[in-house]
Amino acid sequence: MSKLKKVSSQDLKDELQSRGFFVDNLWTTEDVKSMFNCTEDEAQEVLEQALTNESTMEHIWEAIDYHGQENELSINQSNQI
């Protein structure tokens, strides 16, 4: 794991993007710390709670659906109920 500390954040993002991850909107503990006086662990917990709660996840899926349809993408038949 210590080898990764030598890799730049941009190189890490590029690698994740090459594996299919969206990396243009990443949140960091600094975002939380700019709003609250907290430890690194507390900031991680706030991010985990904010980004994985049911409401956030539902909004993301709705936005993916909306923009996919706006871009006239065909619906994946294996994803239909």
PDB file of N, CA and C in Angstrom:
ATOM      1  N   MET A   1       0.813  -1.187   0.000  1.00  0.00           N
ATOM      2  CA  MET A   1       0.000   0.000   0.000  1.00  0.00           C
ATOM      3  C   MET A   1       0.861   1.258   0.000  1.00  0.00           C
ATOM      4  N   SER A   2       2.028   1.203   0.602  1.00  0.00           N
ATOM      5  CA  SER A   2       2.872   2.392   0.657  1.00  0.00           C
ATOM      6  C   SER A   2       3.340   2.810  -0.736  1.00  0.00           C
ATOM      7  N   LYS A   3       3.360   1.888  -1.691  1.00  0.00           N
ATOM      8  CA  LYS A   3       3.738   2.232  -3.058  1.00  0.00           C
ATOM      9  C   LYS A   3       2.738   3.204  -3.673  1.00  0.00           C
ATOM     10  N   LEU A   4       1.476   3.100  -3.292  1.00  0.00           N
ATOM     11  CA  LEU A   4       0.447   3.981  -3.845  1.00  0.00           C
ATOM     12  C   LEU A   4       0.630   5.421  -3.395  1.00  0.00           C
ATOM     13  N   LYS A   5       1.248   5.640  -2.249  1.00  0.00           N
ATOM     14  CA  LYS A   5       1.462   6.996  -1.760  1.00  0.00           C
ATOM     15  C   LYS A   5       2.384   7.780  -2.691  1.00  0.00           C
ATOM     16  N   LYS A   6       3.179   7.075  -3.480  1.00  0.00           N
ATOM     17  CA  LYS A   6       4.098   7.716  -4.414  1.00  0.00           C
ATOM     18  C   LYS A   6       3.410   8.078  -5.725  1.00  0.00           C
ATOM     19  N   VAL A   7       2.199   7.588  -5.940  1.00  0.00           N
ATOM     20  CA  VAL A   7       1.456   7.845  -7.170  1.00  0.00           C
ATOM     21  C   VAL A   7       0.619   9.104  -6.973  1.00  0.00           C
ATOM     22  N   SER A   8       0.603   9.962  -7.979  1.00  0.00           N
ATOM     23  CA  SER A   8      -0.167  11.202  -7.850  1.00  0.00           C
ATOM     24  C   SER A   8      -1.667  10.916  -7.836  1.00  0.00           C
ATOM     25  N   SER A   9      -2.413  11.839  -7.248  1.00  0.00           N
ATOM     26  CA  SER A   9      -3.874  11.707  -7.218  1.00  0.00           C
ATOM     27  C   SER A   9      -4.425  11.650  -8.631  1.00  0.00           C
ATOM     28  N   GLN A  10      -3.853  12.449  -9.539  1.00  0.00           N
ATOM     29  CA  GLN A  10      -4.339  12.445 -10.922  1.00  0.00           C
ATOM     30  C   GLN A  10      -4.092  11.092 -11.588  1.00  0.00           C
ATOM     31  N   ASP A  11      -2.932  10.493 -11.342  1.00  0.00           N
ATOM     32  CA  ASP A  11      -2.656   9.166 -11.908  1.00  0.00           C
ATOM     33  C   ASP A  11      -3.624   8.129 -11.354  1.00  0.00           C
ATOM     34  N   LEU A  12      -3.947   8.234 -10.078  1.00  0.00           N
ATOM     35  CA  LEU A  12      -4.906   7.307  -9.480  1.00  0.00           C
ATOM     36  C   LEU A  12      -6.286   7.500 -10.101  1.00  0.00           C
ATOM     37  N   LYS A  13      -6.695   8.757 -10.280  1.00  0.00           N
ATOM     38  CA  LYS A  13      -7.984   9.038 -10.913  1.00  0.00           C
ATOM     39  C   LYS A  13      -8.003   8.517 -12.344  1.00  0.00           C
ATOM     40  N   ASP A  14      -6.914   8.721 -13.072  1.00  0.00           N
ATOM     41  CA  ASP A  14      -6.838   8.235 -14.456  1.00  0.00           C
ATOM     42  C   ASP A  14      -6.990   6.722 -14.511  1.00  0.00           C
ATOM     43  N   GLU A  15      -6.363   6.035 -13.563  1.00  0.00           N
ATOM     44  CA  GLU A  15      -6.465   4.570 -13.515  1.00  0.00           C
ATOM     45  C   GLU A  15      -7.901   4.142 -13.232  1.00  0.00           C
ATOM     46  N   LEU A  16      -8.537   4.766 -12.263  1.00  0.00           N
ATOM     47  CA  LEU A  16      -9.928   4.423 -11.965  1.00  0.00           C
ATOM     48  C   LEU A  16     -10.833   4.708 -13.159  1.00  0.00           C
ATOM     49  N   GLN A  17     -10.614   5.831 -13.819  1.00  0.00           N
ATOM     50  CA  GLN A  17     -11.428   6.175 -14.988  1.00  0.00           C
ATOM     51  C   GLN A  17     -11.238   5.137 -16.095  1.00  0.00           C
ATOM     52  N   SER A  18     -10.023   4.658 -16.271  1.00  0.00           N
ATOM     53  CA  SER A  18      -9.774   3.643 -17.298  1.00  0.00           C
ATOM     54  C   SER A  18     -10.475   2.329 -16.973  1.00  0.00           C
ATOM     55  N   ARG A  19     -10.866   2.141 -15.700  1.00  0.00           N
ATOM     56  CA  ARG A  19     -11.588   0.935 -15.278  1.00  0.00           C
ATOM     57  C   ARG A  19     -13.100   1.161 -15.214  1.00  0.00           C
ATOM     58  N   GLY A  20     -13.545   2.332 -15.693  1.00  0.00           N
ATOM     59  CA  GLY A  20     -14.965   2.583 -15.802  1.00  0.00           C
ATOM     60  C   GLY A  20     -15.584   3.411 -14.688  1.00  0.00           C
ATOM     61  N   PHE A  21     -14.790   3.901 -13.762  1.00  0.00           N
ATOM     62  CA  PHE A  21     -15.317   4.708 -12.673  1.00  0.00           C
ATOM     63  C   PHE A  21     -15.417   6.168 -13.097  1.00  0.00           C
ATOM     64  N   PHE A  22     -16.445   6.872 -12.617  1.00  0.00           N
ATOM     65  CA  PHE A  22     -16.570   8.302 -12.845  1.00  0.00           C
ATOM     66  C   PHE A  22     -15.806   9.011 -11.739  1.00  0.00           C
ATOM     67  N   VAL A  23     -14.848   9.827 -12.120  1.00  0.00           N
ATOM     68  CA  VAL A  23     -13.968  10.429 -11.115  1.00  0.00           C
ATOM     69  C   VAL A  23     -13.965  11.958 -11.145  1.00  0.00           C
ATOM     70  N   ASP A  24     -14.868  12.555 -11.923  1.00  0.00           N
ATOM     71  CA  ASP A  24     -14.866  14.008 -12.035  1.00  0.00           C
ATOM     72  C   ASP A  24     -15.562  14.701 -10.870  1.00  0.00           C
ATOM     73  N   ASN A  25     -16.166  13.947  -9.982  1.00  0.00           N
ATOM     74  CA  ASN A  25     -16.868  14.533  -8.841  1.00  0.00           C
ATOM     75  C   ASN A  25     -16.551  13.709  -7.597  1.00  0.00           C
ATOM     76  N   LEU A  26     -15.341  13.853  -7.116  1.00  0.00           N
ATOM     77  CA  LEU A  26     -14.911  13.129  -5.922  1.00  0.00           C
ATOM     78  C   LEU A  26     -14.925  14.078  -4.730  1.00  0.00           C
ATOM     79  N   TRP A  27     -15.381  13.573  -3.609  1.00  0.00           N
ATOM     80  CA  TRP A  27     -15.430  14.350  -2.376  1.00  0.00           C
ATOM     81  C   TRP A  27     -14.285  13.929  -1.476  1.00  0.00           C
ATOM     82  N   THR A  28     -13.767  14.876  -0.715  1.00  0.00           N
ATOM     83  CA  THR A  28     -12.675  14.560   0.203  1.00  0.00           C
ATOM     84  C   THR A  28     -13.037  15.020   1.616  1.00  0.00           C
ATOM     85  N   THR A  29     -12.264  14.540   2.552  1.00  0.00           N
ATOM     86  CA  THR A  29     -12.482  14.961   3.934  1.00  0.00           C
ATOM     87  C   THR A  29     -12.267  16.464   4.085  1.00  0.00           C
ATOM     88  N   GLU A  30     -11.500  17.070   3.206  1.00  0.00           N
ATOM     89  CA  GLU A  30     -11.292  18.520   3.257  1.00  0.00           C
ATOM     90  C   GLU A  30     -12.592  19.268   2.995  1.00  0.00           C
ATOM     91  N   ASP A  31     -13.487  18.687   2.190  1.00  0.00           N
ATOM     92  CA  ASP A  31     -14.793  19.306   1.968  1.00  0.00           C
ATOM     93  C   ASP A  31     -15.573  19.391   3.275  1.00  0.00           C
ATOM     94  N   VAL A  32     -15.514  18.336   4.062  1.00  0.00           N
ATOM     95  CA  VAL A  32     -16.207  18.318   5.356  1.00  0.00           C
ATOM     96  C   VAL A  32     -15.499  19.240   6.341  1.00  0.00           C
ATOM     97  N   LYS A  33     -14.182  19.152   6.379  1.00  0.00           N
ATOM     98  CA  LYS A  33     -13.409  19.957   7.330  1.00  0.00           C
ATOM     99  C   LYS A  33     -13.514  21.450   7.052  1.00  0.00           C
ATOM    100  N   SER A  34     -13.846  21.815   5.805  1.00  0.00           N
ATOM    101  CA  SER A  34     -14.024  23.242   5.513  1.00  0.00           C
ATOM    102  C   SER A  34     -15.319  23.763   6.131  1.00  0.00           C
ATOM    103  N   MET A  35     -16.221  22.853   6.486  1.00  0.00           N
ATOM    104  CA  MET A  35     -17.494  23.245   7.089  1.00  0.00           C
ATOM    105  C   MET A  35     -17.548  22.999   8.589  1.00  0.00           C
ATOM    106  N   PHE A  36     -16.804  21.991   9.067  1.00  0.00           N
ATOM    107  CA  PHE A  36     -16.892  21.565  10.468  1.00  0.00           C
ATOM    108  C   PHE A  36     -15.507  21.383  11.073  1.00  0.00           C
ATOM    109  N   ASN A  37     -15.413  21.605  12.361  1.00  0.00           N
ATOM    110  CA  ASN A  37     -14.207  21.254  13.100  1.00  0.00           C
ATOM    111  C   ASN A  37     -14.336  19.782  13.447  1.00  0.00           C
ATOM    112  N   CYS A  38     -13.532  18.945  12.815  1.00  0.00           N
ATOM    113  CA  CYS A  38     -13.646  17.509  13.035  1.00  0.00           C
ATOM    114  C   CYS A  38     -12.342  16.812  12.700  1.00  0.00           C
ATOM    115  N   THR A  39     -12.261  15.580  13.152  1.00  0.00           N
ATOM    116  CA  THR A  39     -11.088  14.763  12.848  1.00  0.00           C
ATOM    117  C   THR A  39     -11.243  14.154  11.455  1.00  0.00           C
ATOM    118  N   GLU A  40     -10.180  13.568  10.973  1.00  0.00           N
ATOM    119  CA  GLU A  40     -10.201  12.861   9.688  1.00  0.00           C
ATOM    120  C   GLU A  40     -11.237  11.738   9.718  1.00  0.00           C
ATOM    121  N   ASP A  41     -11.256  10.979  10.809  1.00  0.00           N
ATOM    122  CA  ASP A  41     -12.220   9.878  10.927  1.00  0.00           C
ATOM    123  C   ASP A  41     -13.660  10.384  10.952  1.00  0.00           C
ATOM    124  N   GLU A  42     -13.898  11.478  11.664  1.00  0.00           N
ATOM    125  CA  GLU A  42     -15.247  12.045  11.701  1.00  0.00           C
ATOM    126  C   GLU A  42     -15.670  12.546  10.322  1.00  0.00           C
ATOM    127  N   ALA A  43     -14.731  13.156   9.612  1.00  0.00           N
ATOM    128  CA  ALA A  43     -15.031  13.641   8.264  1.00  0.00           C
ATOM    129  C   ALA A  43     -15.336  12.472   7.324  1.00  0.00           C
ATOM    130  N   GLN A  44     -14.597  11.382   7.449  1.00  0.00           N
ATOM    131  CA  GLN A  44     -14.874  10.184   6.642  1.00  0.00           C
ATOM    132  C   GLN A  44     -16.266   9.647   6.943  1.00  0.00           C
ATOM    133  N   GLU A  45     -16.631   9.649   8.201  1.00  0.00           N
ATOM    134  CA  GLU A  45     -17.955   9.154   8.595  1.00  0.00           C
ATOM    135  C   GLU A  45     -19.063  10.024   8.008  1.00  0.00           C
ATOM    136  N   VAL A  46     -18.881  11.340   8.051  1.00  0.00           N
ATOM    137  CA  VAL A  46     -19.874  12.247   7.472  1.00  0.00           C
ATOM    138  C   VAL A  46     -20.017  11.986   5.971  1.00  0.00           C
ATOM    139  N   LEU A  47     -18.896  11.838   5.272  1.00  0.00           N
ATOM    140  CA  LEU A  47     -18.956  11.545   3.832  1.00  0.00           C
ATOM    141  C   LEU A  47     -19.649  10.221   3.561  1.00  0.00           C
ATOM    142  N   GLU A  48     -19.330   9.212   4.337  1.00  0.00           N
ATOM    143  CA  GLU A  48     -19.951   7.895   4.151  1.00  0.00           C
ATOM    144  C   GLU A  48     -21.456   7.997   4.333  1.00  0.00           C
ATOM    145  N   GLN A  49     -21.881   8.691   5.371  1.00  0.00           N
ATOM    146  CA  GLN A  49     -23.314   8.824   5.644  1.00  0.00           C
ATOM    147  C   GLN A  49     -24.006   9.659   4.568  1.00  0.00           C
ATOM    148  N   ALA A  50     -23.368  10.732   4.143  1.00  0.00           N
ATOM    149  CA  ALA A  50     -23.983  11.624   3.150  1.00  0.00           C
ATOM    150  C   ALA A  50     -24.081  10.972   1.777  1.00  0.00           C
ATOM    151  N   LEU A  51     -23.061  10.214   1.417  1.00  0.00           N
ATOM    152  CA  LEU A  51     -23.001   9.690   0.052  1.00  0.00           C
ATOM    153  C   LEU A  51     -23.643   8.321  -0.121  1.00  0.00           C
ATOM    154  N   THR A  52     -23.938   7.640   0.969  1.00  0.00           N
ATOM    155  CA  THR A  52     -24.529   6.301   0.839  1.00  0.00           C
ATOM    156  C   THR A  52     -25.936   6.222   1.407  1.00  0.00           C
ATOM    157  N   ASN A  53     -26.514   7.347   1.804  1.00  0.00           N
ATOM    158  CA  ASN A  53     -27.867   7.273   2.349  1.00  0.00           C
ATOM    159  C   ASN A  53     -28.860   7.019   1.223  1.00  0.00           C
ATOM    160  N   GLU A  54     -30.012   6.511   1.583  1.00  0.00           N
ATOM    161  CA  GLU A  54     -31.007   6.069   0.600  1.00  0.00           C
ATOM    162  C   GLU A  54     -31.456   7.206  -0.314  1.00  0.00           C
ATOM    163  N   SER A  55     -31.648   8.381   0.232  1.00  0.00           N
ATOM    164  CA  SER A  55     -32.112   9.520  -0.564  1.00  0.00           C
ATOM    165  C   SER A  55     -31.089   9.902  -1.635  1.00  0.00           C
ATOM    166  N   THR A  56     -29.826   9.989  -1.251  1.00  0.00           N
ATOM    167  CA  THR A  56     -28.773  10.331  -2.207  1.00  0.00           C
ATOM    168  C   THR A  56     -28.703   9.293  -3.312  1.00  0.00           C
ATOM    169  N   MET A  57     -28.711   8.022  -2.939  1.00  0.00           N
ATOM    170  CA  MET A  57     -28.617   6.951  -3.931  1.00  0.00           C
ATOM    171  C   MET A  57     -29.815   6.982  -4.877  1.00  0.00           C
ATOM    172  N   GLU A  58     -31.001   7.227  -4.351  1.00  0.00           N
ATOM    173  CA  GLU A  58     -32.205   7.290  -5.188  1.00  0.00           C
ATOM    174  C   GLU A  58     -32.110   8.445  -6.183  1.00  0.00           C
ATOM    175  N   HIS A  59     -31.638   9.593  -5.725  1.00  0.00           N
ATOM    176  CA  HIS A  59     -31.491  10.741  -6.620  1.00  0.00           C
ATOM    177  C   HIS A  59     -30.478  10.453  -7.728  1.00  0.00           C
ATOM    178  N   ILE A  60     -29.408   9.783  -7.409  1.00  0.00           N
ATOM    179  CA  ILE A  60     -28.401   9.457  -8.418  1.00  0.00           C
ATOM    180  C   ILE A  60     -28.987   8.527  -9.471  1.00  0.00           C
ATOM    181  N   TRP A  61     -29.696   7.465  -9.048  1.00  0.00           N
ATOM    182  CA  TRP A  61     -30.299   6.541 -10.008  1.00  0.00           C
ATOM    183  C   TRP A  61     -31.327   7.249 -10.873  1.00  0.00           C
ATOM    184  N   GLU A  62     -32.128   8.145 -10.287  1.00  0.00           N
ATOM    185  CA  GLU A  62     -33.111   8.905 -11.060  1.00  0.00           C
ATOM    186  C   GLU A  62     -32.416   9.801 -12.084  1.00  0.00           C
ATOM    187  N   ALA A  63     -31.327  10.432 -11.686  1.00  0.00           N
ATOM    188  CA  ALA A  63     -30.589  11.309 -12.596  1.00  0.00           C
ATOM    189  C   ALA A  63     -29.946  10.507 -13.725  1.00  0.00           C
ATOM    190  N   ILE A  64     -29.419   9.329 -13.424  1.00  0.00           N
ATOM    191  CA  ILE A  64     -28.843   8.469 -14.468  1.00  0.00           C
ATOM    192  C   ILE A  64     -29.928   8.093 -15.467  1.00  0.00           C
ATOM    193  N   ASP A  65     -31.089   7.702 -14.954  1.00  0.00           N
ATOM    194  CA  ASP A  65     -32.201   7.327 -15.824  1.00  0.00           C
ATOM    195  C   ASP A  65     -32.622   8.513 -16.691  1.00  0.00           C
ATOM    196  N   TYR A  66     -32.791   9.668 -16.075  1.00  0.00           N
ATOM    197  CA  TYR A  66     -33.225  10.861 -16.796  1.00  0.00           C
ATOM    198  C   TYR A  66     -32.247  11.223 -17.921  1.00  0.00           C
ATOM    199  N   HIS A  67     -30.972  11.305 -17.587  1.00  0.00           N
ATOM    200  CA  HIS A  67     -29.987  11.740 -18.574  1.00  0.00           C
ATOM    201  C   HIS A  67     -29.741  10.684 -19.648  1.00  0.00           C
ATOM    202  N   GLY A  68     -29.858   9.426 -19.284  1.00  0.00           N
ATOM    203  CA  GLY A  68     -29.758   8.373 -20.299  1.00  0.00           C
ATOM    204  C   GLY A  68     -30.868   8.504 -21.321  1.00  0.00           C
ATOM    205  N   GLN A  69     -32.087   8.759 -20.850  1.00  0.00           N
ATOM    206  CA  GLN A  69     -33.214   8.943 -21.760  1.00  0.00           C
ATOM    207  C   GLN A  69     -33.082  10.242 -22.546  1.00  0.00           C
ATOM    208  N   GLU A  70     -32.626  11.313 -21.917  1.00  0.00           N
ATOM    209  CA  GLU A  70     -32.420  12.588 -22.611  1.00  0.00           C
ATOM    210  C   GLU A  70     -31.398  12.444 -23.737  1.00  0.00           C
ATOM    211  N   ASN A  71     -30.428  11.577 -23.538  1.00  0.00           N
ATOM    212  CA  ASN A  71     -29.410  11.318 -24.558  1.00  0.00           C
ATOM    213  C   ASN A  71     -29.855  10.240 -25.543  1.00  0.00           C
ATOM    214  N   GLU A  72     -31.130   9.854 -25.433  1.00  0.00           N
ATOM    215  CA  GLU A  72     -31.754   8.881 -26.330  1.00  0.00           C
ATOM    216  C   GLU A  72     -31.008   7.553 -26.377  1.00  0.00           C
ATOM    217  N   LEU A  73     -30.536   7.119 -25.218  1.00  0.00           N
ATOM    218  CA  LEU A  73     -29.885   5.811 -25.121  1.00  0.00           C
ATOM    219  C   LEU A  73     -30.963   4.742 -25.029  1.00  0.00           C
ATOM    220  N   SER A  74     -30.713   3.608 -25.655  1.00  0.00           N
ATOM    221  CA  SER A  74     -31.696   2.528 -25.565  1.00  0.00           C
ATOM    222  C   SER A  74     -31.563   1.843 -24.212  1.00  0.00           C
ATOM    223  N   ILE A  75     -32.712   1.409 -23.696  1.00  0.00           N
ATOM    224  CA  ILE A  75     -32.742   0.772 -22.384  1.00  0.00           C
ATOM    225  C   ILE A  75     -32.221  -0.651 -22.502  1.00  0.00           C
ATOM    226  N   ASN A  76     -31.351  -1.022 -21.584  1.00  0.00           N
ATOM    227  CA  ASN A  76     -30.800  -2.373 -21.525  1.00  0.00           C
ATOM    228  C   ASN A  76     -31.917  -3.336 -21.167  1.00  0.00           C
ATOM    229  N   GLN A  77     -32.252  -4.256 -22.058  1.00  0.00           N
ATOM    230  CA  GLN A  77     -33.387  -5.163 -21.854  1.00  0.00           C
ATOM    231  C   GLN A  77     -33.227  -6.027 -20.603  1.00  0.00           C
ATOM    232  N   SER A  78     -32.003  -6.340 -20.218  1.00  0.00           N
ATOM    233  CA  SER A  78     -31.790  -7.174 -19.021  1.00  0.00           C
ATOM    234  C   SER A  78     -32.056  -6.385 -17.754  1.00  0.00           C
ATOM    235  N   ASN A  79     -32.219  -5.060 -17.864  1.00  0.00           N
ATOM    236  CA  ASN A  79     -32.465  -4.217 -16.692  1.00  0.00           C
ATOM    237  C   ASN A  79     -33.945  -3.910 -16.493  1.00  0.00           C
ATOM    238  N   GLN A  80     -34.777  -4.324 -17.421  1.00  0.00           N
ATOM    239  CA  GLN A  80     -36.204  -4.054 -17.285  1.00  0.00           C
ATOM    240  C   GLN A  80     -36.864  -5.040 -16.344  1.00  0.00           C
ATOM    241  N   ILE A  81     -37.869  -4.547 -15.622  1.00  0.00           N
ATOM    242  CA  ILE A  81     -38.574  -5.383 -14.650  1.00  0.00           C
ATOM    243  C   ILE A  81     -39.611  -6.217 -15.366  1.00  0.00           C
TER     244      ILE A  81
END
